[in-house]
Amino acid sequence: MQRETARRSNRDRTEATRADLIAAARKLFIEKSYAETGTPEIVAAAGVTRGALYHHFADKQALFAAVVEQEAEAVAAEIDRASPPSLFARDALIAGSDAYLAAMRAPGRTRLLLLDGPAVLGRAAMDAIDNRHGNRSLREGLVAAMREQSLIRLPVDALTALLAAAFDRAALAVEAGASAEDYRAVLMALIDGLSPALPQAGGPARTR
């Protein structure tokens, strides 16, 4: 029992140290950018040793990847929360779209996910992160809507990639001061343009 308690305590400390490093790095990456942030600043802000940093992460880029992964996961969680399986598929798709735009307004998130992320990690690595999180949610919503016939059938991977790019562009524009309402209206028109006909109230429940 004592051995199990000790293992759990060590695991908790390890997870806490990792979380502290990610939180400290996120703050600095947003305030100063990835390029202008040094590892000595990160460990000082996290209150850990340099050895602790390299115990958890191979280098600053690996730590940055963990920050980006956590941000992408948080966005996907908001999308999933707003679009439960009980919703009609088209309604879920729209609710998830709104949730994405709202989630991307968190301070520093567009910079981490849409600007520094691709620049630091490369497009392929960033696409892989997106496909595990936000793009996964979008793809599931599109598939569900196609099954319900509230969206026309199209190659789903291509459609996911193009719609995701449109949403990302909208998030960047809104971050720069553009009208969120204008961009939302256009994005909703894009979704409506993919519909053979608007769904009727009381349509079938969303399926996966």
C-alpha atoms as a PDB file:
ATOM      1  CA  MET A   1       0.000   0.000   0.000  1.00  0.00           C
ATOM      2  CA  GLN A   2       2.811   2.415   0.925  1.00  0.00           C
ATOM      3  CA  ARG A   3       4.638   1.563  -2.303  1.00  0.00           C
ATOM      4  CA  GLU A   4       1.489   2.234  -4.347  1.00  0.00           C
ATOM      5  CA  THR A   5       0.939   5.521  -2.503  1.00  0.00           C
ATOM      6  CA  ALA A   6       4.540   6.542  -3.179  1.00  0.00           C
ATOM      7  CA  ARG A   7       4.171   5.726  -6.888  1.00  0.00           C
ATOM      8  CA  ARG A   8       0.961   7.740  -7.065  1.00  0.00           C
ATOM      9  CA  SER A   9       2.600  10.646  -5.234  1.00  0.00           C
ATOM     10  CA  ASN A  10       5.579  10.596  -7.608  1.00  0.00           C
ATOM     11  CA  ARG A  11       3.247  10.457 -10.597  1.00  0.00           C
ATOM     12  CA  ASP A  12       1.251  13.392  -9.268  1.00  0.00           C
ATOM     13  CA  ARG A  13       4.415  15.450  -8.779  1.00  0.00           C
ATOM     14  CA  THR A  14       5.605  14.558 -12.249  1.00  0.00           C
ATOM     15  CA  GLU A  15       2.306  15.566 -13.812  1.00  0.00           C
ATOM     16  CA  ALA A  16       2.236  18.787 -11.788  1.00  0.00           C
ATOM     17  CA  THR A  17       5.747  19.722 -12.933  1.00  0.00           C
ATOM     18  CA  ARG A  18       4.840  19.080 -16.552  1.00  0.00           C
ATOM     19  CA  ALA A  19       1.677  21.158 -16.205  1.00  0.00           C
ATOM     20  CA  ASP A  20       3.644  24.008 -14.606  1.00  0.00           C
ATOM     21  CA  LEU A  21       6.142  23.990 -17.468  1.00  0.00           C
ATOM     22  CA  ILE A  22       3.390  24.053 -20.097  1.00  0.00           C
ATOM     23  CA  ALA A  23       1.528  26.870 -18.330  1.00  0.00           C
ATOM     24  CA  ALA A  24       4.680  28.972 -17.900  1.00  0.00           C
ATOM     25  CA  ALA A  25       5.749  28.382 -21.489  1.00  0.00           C
ATOM     26  CA  ARG A  26       2.308  29.245 -22.845  1.00  0.00           C
ATOM     27  CA  LYS A  27       2.310  32.590 -21.046  1.00  0.00           C
ATOM     28  CA  LEU A  28       5.778  33.482 -22.284  1.00  0.00           C
ATOM     29  CA  PHE A  29       5.173  32.293 -25.851  1.00  0.00           C
ATOM     30  CA  ILE A  30       2.119  34.549 -26.017  1.00  0.00           C
ATOM     31  CA  GLU A  31       3.785  37.541 -24.395  1.00  0.00           C
ATOM     32  CA  LYS A  32       7.125  37.351 -26.217  1.00  0.00           C
ATOM     33  CA  SER A  33       6.740  34.823 -29.063  1.00  0.00           C
ATOM     34  CA  TYR A  34       8.412  31.459 -29.379  1.00  0.00           C
ATOM     35  CA  ALA A  35      11.574  32.901 -30.904  1.00  0.00           C
ATOM     36  CA  GLU A  36      12.086  35.481 -28.166  1.00  0.00           C
ATOM     37  CA  THR A  37      11.500  33.100 -25.262  1.00  0.00           C
ATOM     38  CA  GLY A  38      14.451  31.262 -23.746  1.00  0.00           C
ATOM     39  CA  THR A  39      14.390  28.094 -21.682  1.00  0.00           C
ATOM     40  CA  PRO A  40      15.962  29.862 -18.644  1.00  0.00           C
ATOM     41  CA  GLU A  41      12.912  32.155 -18.537  1.00  0.00           C
ATOM     42  CA  ILE A  42      10.558  29.201 -18.765  1.00  0.00           C
ATOM     43  CA  VAL A  43      12.104  27.240 -15.903  1.00  0.00           C
ATOM     44  CA  ALA A  44      12.254  30.383 -13.752  1.00  0.00           C
ATOM     45  CA  ALA A  45       8.579  31.125 -14.392  1.00  0.00           C
ATOM     46  CA  ALA A  46       7.633  27.512 -13.700  1.00  0.00           C
ATOM     47  CA  GLY A  47       9.719  27.363 -10.538  1.00  0.00           C
ATOM     48  CA  VAL A  48      11.602  24.239 -11.613  1.00  0.00           C
ATOM     49  CA  THR A  49      15.145  23.346 -12.566  1.00  0.00           C
ATOM     50  CA  ARG A  50      16.549  23.194 -16.071  1.00  0.00           C
ATOM     51  CA  GLY A  51      17.007  19.459 -15.519  1.00  0.00           C
ATOM     52  CA  ALA A  52      13.289  19.110 -14.840  1.00  0.00           C
ATOM     53  CA  LEU A  53      12.532  20.776 -18.169  1.00  0.00           C
ATOM     54  CA  TYR A  54      14.726  18.354 -20.076  1.00  0.00           C
ATOM     55  CA  HIS A  55      13.366  15.418 -18.119  1.00  0.00           C
ATOM     56  CA  HIS A  56       9.931  16.136 -19.566  1.00  0.00           C
ATOM     57  CA  PHE A  57      10.771  17.661 -22.963  1.00  0.00           C
ATOM     58  CA  ALA A  58      13.631  17.072 -25.379  1.00  0.00           C
ATOM     59  CA  ASP A  59      13.955  20.780 -26.152  1.00  0.00           C
ATOM     60  CA  LYS A  60      12.056  24.060 -26.383  1.00  0.00           C
ATOM     61  CA  GLN A  61      10.338  22.967 -29.580  1.00  0.00           C
ATOM     62  CA  ALA A  62       8.990  19.827 -27.895  1.00  0.00           C
ATOM     63  CA  LEU A  63       7.630  21.973 -25.074  1.00  0.00           C
ATOM     64  CA  PHE A  64       6.045  24.292 -27.621  1.00  0.00           C
ATOM     65  CA  ALA A  65       4.425  21.288 -29.319  1.00  0.00           C
ATOM     66  CA  ALA A  66       2.904  20.288 -25.969  1.00  0.00           C
ATOM     67  CA  VAL A  67       1.531  23.808 -25.510  1.00  0.00           C
ATOM     68  CA  VAL A  68      -0.002  23.752 -28.984  1.00  0.00           C
ATOM     69  CA  GLU A  69      -1.456  20.272 -28.477  1.00  0.00           C
ATOM     70  CA  GLN A  70      -3.099  21.406 -25.238  1.00  0.00           C
ATOM     71  CA  GLU A  71      -4.576  24.474 -26.948  1.00  0.00           C
ATOM     72  CA  ALA A  72      -5.937  22.401 -29.831  1.00  0.00           C
ATOM     73  CA  GLU A  73      -7.423  19.928 -27.376  1.00  0.00           C
ATOM     74  CA  ALA A  74      -9.137  22.761 -25.485  1.00  0.00           C
ATOM     75  CA  VAL A  75     -10.701  24.086 -28.694  1.00  0.00           C
ATOM     76  CA  ALA A  76     -11.962  20.630 -29.656  1.00  0.00           C
ATOM     77  CA  ALA A  77     -13.452  20.167 -26.176  1.00  0.00           C
ATOM     78  CA  GLU A  78     -15.454  23.375 -26.618  1.00  0.00           C
ATOM     79  CA  ILE A  79     -16.678  22.217 -30.019  1.00  0.00           C
ATOM     80  CA  ASP A  80     -17.684  18.801 -28.695  1.00  0.00           C
ATOM     81  CA  ARG A  81     -19.450  20.358 -25.711  1.00  0.00           C
ATOM     82  CA  ALA A  82     -21.501  22.617 -27.989  1.00  0.00           C
ATOM     83  CA  SER A  83     -22.456  19.858 -30.447  1.00  0.00           C
ATOM     84  CA  PRO A  84     -23.637  16.771 -28.543  1.00  0.00           C
ATOM     85  CA  PRO A  85     -24.811  13.704 -30.475  1.00  0.00           C
ATOM     86  CA  SER A  86     -28.428  14.458 -29.511  1.00  0.00           C
ATOM     87  CA  LEU A  87     -28.530  17.461 -31.861  1.00  0.00           C
ATOM     88  CA  PHE A  88     -29.721  17.271 -35.429  1.00  0.00           C
ATOM     89  CA  ALA A  89     -26.512  17.036 -37.479  1.00  0.00           C
ATOM     90  CA  ARG A  90     -26.761  20.366 -39.271  1.00  0.00           C
ATOM     91  CA  ASP A  91     -27.572  22.120 -35.979  1.00  0.00           C
ATOM     92  CA  ALA A  92     -24.594  20.421 -34.360  1.00  0.00           C
ATOM     93  CA  LEU A  93     -22.364  21.532 -37.223  1.00  0.00           C
ATOM     94  CA  ILE A  94     -23.438  25.153 -36.817  1.00  0.00           C
ATOM     95  CA  ALA A  95     -23.168  25.024 -33.022  1.00  0.00           C
ATOM     96  CA  GLY A  96     -19.693  23.545 -33.332  1.00  0.00           C
ATOM     97  CA  SER A  97     -18.711  26.257 -35.804  1.00  0.00           C
ATOM     98  CA  ASP A  98     -19.819  28.964 -33.385  1.00  0.00           C
ATOM     99  CA  ALA A  99     -17.965  27.222 -30.571  1.00  0.00           C
ATOM    100  CA  TYR A 100     -14.772  27.182 -32.638  1.00  0.00           C
ATOM    101  CA  LEU A 101     -14.941  30.905 -33.342  1.00  0.00           C
ATOM    102  CA  ALA A 102     -15.621  31.632 -29.669  1.00  0.00           C
ATOM    103  CA  ALA A 103     -12.845  29.328 -28.446  1.00  0.00           C
ATOM    104  CA  MET A 104     -10.317  30.925 -30.777  1.00  0.00           C
ATOM    105  CA  ARG A 105     -10.902  34.293 -29.118  1.00  0.00           C
ATOM    106  CA  ALA A 106      -9.026  33.145 -26.011  1.00  0.00           C
ATOM    107  CA  PRO A 107      -6.018  35.474 -25.660  1.00  0.00           C
ATOM    108  CA  GLY A 108      -3.017  34.242 -27.602  1.00  0.00           C
ATOM    109  CA  ARG A 109      -4.737  31.208 -29.099  1.00  0.00           C
ATOM    110  CA  THR A 110      -4.724  32.319 -32.733  1.00  0.00           C
ATOM    111  CA  ARG A 111      -1.033  33.126 -32.445  1.00  0.00           C
ATOM    112  CA  LEU A 112      -0.190  29.737 -30.987  1.00  0.00           C
ATOM    113  CA  LEU A 113      -2.345  27.621 -33.295  1.00  0.00           C
ATOM    114  CA  LEU A 114      -2.468  29.572 -36.545  1.00  0.00           C
ATOM    115  CA  LEU A 115       0.763  31.586 -36.714  1.00  0.00           C
ATOM    116  CA  ASP A 116       3.594  30.261 -34.546  1.00  0.00           C
ATOM    117  CA  GLY A 117       2.379  26.663 -34.637  1.00  0.00           C
ATOM    118  CA  PRO A 118       2.876  26.088 -38.379  1.00  0.00           C
ATOM    119  CA  ALA A 119       6.040  28.222 -38.406  1.00  0.00           C
ATOM    120  CA  VAL A 120       7.744  26.370 -35.539  1.00  0.00           C
ATOM    121  CA  LEU A 121       6.456  22.826 -35.982  1.00  0.00           C
ATOM    122  CA  GLY A 122       5.939  22.724 -39.747  1.00  0.00           C
ATOM    123  CA  ARG A 123       2.730  22.282 -41.680  1.00  0.00           C
ATOM    124  CA  ALA A 124       2.717  18.481 -41.529  1.00  0.00           C
ATOM    125  CA  ALA A 125       3.081  18.347 -37.741  1.00  0.00           C
ATOM    126  CA  MET A 126       0.474  21.059 -37.305  1.00  0.00           C
ATOM    127  CA  ASP A 127      -1.952  19.235 -39.584  1.00  0.00           C
ATOM    128  CA  ALA A 128      -1.480  16.086 -37.508  1.00  0.00           C
ATOM    129  CA  ILE A 129      -2.347  17.999 -34.322  1.00  0.00           C
ATOM    130  CA  ASP A 130      -5.389  19.590 -35.977  1.00  0.00           C
ATOM    131  CA  ASN A 131      -6.572  16.210 -37.238  1.00  0.00           C
ATOM    132  CA  ARG A 132      -6.476  14.812 -33.704  1.00  0.00           C
ATOM    133  CA  HIS A 133      -8.603  17.640 -32.361  1.00  0.00           C
ATOM    134  CA  GLY A 134     -10.542  20.408 -34.150  1.00  0.00           C
ATOM    135  CA  ASN A 135     -10.479  18.882 -37.608  1.00  0.00           C
ATOM    136  CA  ARG A 136     -11.572  15.575 -36.136  1.00  0.00           C
ATOM    137  CA  SER A 137     -14.655  17.238 -34.671  1.00  0.00           C
ATOM    138  CA  LEU A 138     -15.398  19.021 -37.936  1.00  0.00           C
ATOM    139  CA  ARG A 139     -14.978  15.851 -39.963  1.00  0.00           C
ATOM    140  CA  GLU A 140     -17.330  13.916 -37.680  1.00  0.00           C
ATOM    141  CA  GLY A 141     -19.920  16.668 -38.003  1.00  0.00           C
ATOM    142  CA  LEU A 142     -19.686  16.676 -41.794  1.00  0.00           C
ATOM    143  CA  VAL A 143     -19.985  12.898 -41.985  1.00  0.00           C
ATOM    144  CA  ALA A 144     -23.053  12.976 -39.729  1.00  0.00           C
ATOM    145  CA  ALA A 145     -24.678  15.692 -41.835  1.00  0.00           C
ATOM    146  CA  MET A 146     -24.010  13.770 -45.038  1.00  0.00           C
ATOM    147  CA  ARG A 147     -25.569  10.650 -43.530  1.00  0.00           C
ATOM    148  CA  GLU A 148     -28.670  12.656 -42.671  1.00  0.00           C
ATOM    149  CA  GLN A 149     -28.657  14.130 -46.170  1.00  0.00           C
ATOM    150  CA  SER A 150     -28.605  17.660 -44.799  1.00  0.00           C
ATOM    151  CA  LEU A 151     -25.307  18.134 -46.658  1.00  0.00           C
ATOM    152  CA  ILE A 152     -24.526  16.972 -50.152  1.00  0.00           C
ATOM    153  CA  ARG A 153     -22.034  14.131 -50.386  1.00  0.00           C
ATOM    154  CA  LEU A 154     -18.515  15.314 -51.159  1.00  0.00           C
ATOM    155  CA  PRO A 155     -15.016  13.915 -50.473  1.00  0.00           C
ATOM    156  CA  VAL A 156     -14.972  14.404 -46.732  1.00  0.00           C
ATOM    157  CA  ASP A 157     -11.234  14.865 -46.223  1.00  0.00           C
ATOM    158  CA  ALA A 158     -11.029  17.593 -48.852  1.00  0.00           C
ATOM    159  CA  LEU A 159     -14.144  19.273 -47.518  1.00  0.00           C
ATOM    160  CA  THR A 160     -12.828  19.160 -43.952  1.00  0.00           C
ATOM    161  CA  ALA A 161      -9.509  20.698 -44.987  1.00  0.00           C
ATOM    162  CA  LEU A 162     -11.093  23.529 -46.973  1.00  0.00           C
ATOM    163  CA  LEU A 163     -13.732  24.406 -44.392  1.00  0.00           C
ATOM    164  CA  ALA A 164     -11.136  24.278 -41.604  1.00  0.00           C
ATOM    165  CA  ALA A 165      -8.976  26.710 -43.582  1.00  0.00           C
ATOM    166  CA  ALA A 166     -11.952  29.052 -43.947  1.00  0.00           C
ATOM    167  CA  PHE A 167     -12.640  28.919 -40.215  1.00  0.00           C
ATOM    168  CA  ASP A 168      -8.974  29.548 -39.430  1.00  0.00           C
ATOM    169  CA  ARG A 169      -8.922  32.557 -41.755  1.00  0.00           C
ATOM    170  CA  ALA A 170     -12.030  33.898 -40.046  1.00  0.00           C
ATOM    171  CA  ALA A 171     -10.421  33.488 -36.614  1.00  0.00           C
ATOM    172  CA  LEU A 172      -7.342  35.402 -37.752  1.00  0.00           C
ATOM    173  CA  ALA A 173      -9.450  38.185 -39.245  1.00  0.00           C
ATOM    174  CA  VAL A 174     -11.558  38.550 -36.111  1.00  0.00           C
ATOM    175  CA  GLU A 175      -8.391  38.594 -33.998  1.00  0.00           C
ATOM    176  CA  ALA A 176      -7.147  41.464 -36.177  1.00  0.00           C
ATOM    177  CA  GLY A 177     -10.330  43.445 -35.554  1.00  0.00           C
ATOM    178  CA  ALA A 178     -12.697  42.371 -38.334  1.00  0.00           C
ATOM    179  CA  SER A 179     -16.399  41.936 -37.683  1.00  0.00           C
ATOM    180  CA  ALA A 180     -17.089  38.534 -36.131  1.00  0.00           C
ATOM    181  CA  GLU A 181     -20.699  38.803 -37.298  1.00  0.00           C
ATOM    182  CA  ASP A 182     -19.656  39.347 -40.914  1.00  0.00           C
ATOM    183  CA  TYR A 183     -17.339  36.346 -40.942  1.00  0.00           C
ATOM    184  CA  ARG A 184     -19.887  34.168 -39.188  1.00  0.00           C
ATOM    185  CA  ALA A 185     -22.531  35.123 -41.753  1.00  0.00           C
ATOM    186  CA  VAL A 186     -20.254  34.095 -44.612  1.00  0.00           C
ATOM    187  CA  LEU A 187     -19.262  30.832 -42.943  1.00  0.00           C
ATOM    188  CA  MET A 188     -22.908  29.944 -42.315  1.00  0.00           C
ATOM    189  CA  ALA A 189     -23.640  30.737 -45.967  1.00  0.00           C
ATOM    190  CA  LEU A 190     -20.880  28.322 -46.965  1.00  0.00           C
ATOM    191  CA  ILE A 191     -22.482  25.587 -44.889  1.00  0.00           C
ATOM    192  CA  ASP A 192     -25.937  26.385 -46.261  1.00  0.00           C
ATOM    193  CA  GLY A 193     -24.508  26.240 -49.782  1.00  0.00           C
ATOM    194  CA  LEU A 194     -23.576  22.623 -49.126  1.00  0.00           C
ATOM    195  CA  SER A 195     -27.143  21.732 -48.178  1.00  0.00           C
ATOM    196  CA  PRO A 196     -29.451  20.177 -50.783  1.00  0.00           C
ATOM    197  CA  ALA A 197     -32.309  21.696 -48.783  1.00  0.00           C
ATOM    198  CA  LEU A 198     -32.646  23.185 -45.346  1.00  0.00           C
ATOM    199  CA  PRO A 199     -33.492  20.462 -42.781  1.00  0.00           C
ATOM    200  CA  GLN A 200     -37.000  20.343 -41.396  1.00  0.00           C
ATOM    201  CA  ALA A 201     -37.669  20.884 -37.700  1.00  0.00           C
ATOM    202  CA  GLY A 202     -37.852  17.624 -35.801  1.00  0.00           C
ATOM    203  CA  GLY A 203     -35.546  15.800 -38.200  1.00  0.00           C
ATOM    204  CA  PRO A 204     -33.721  12.619 -37.303  1.00  0.00           C
ATOM    205  CA  ALA A 205     -31.280  12.597 -34.409  1.00  0.00           C
ATOM    206  CA  ARG A 206     -27.625  12.981 -35.236  1.00  0.00           C
ATOM    207  CA  THR A 207     -25.780   9.713 -35.725  1.00  0.00           C
ATOM    208  CA  ARG A 208     -22.089   8.959 -35.950  1.00  0.00           C
END
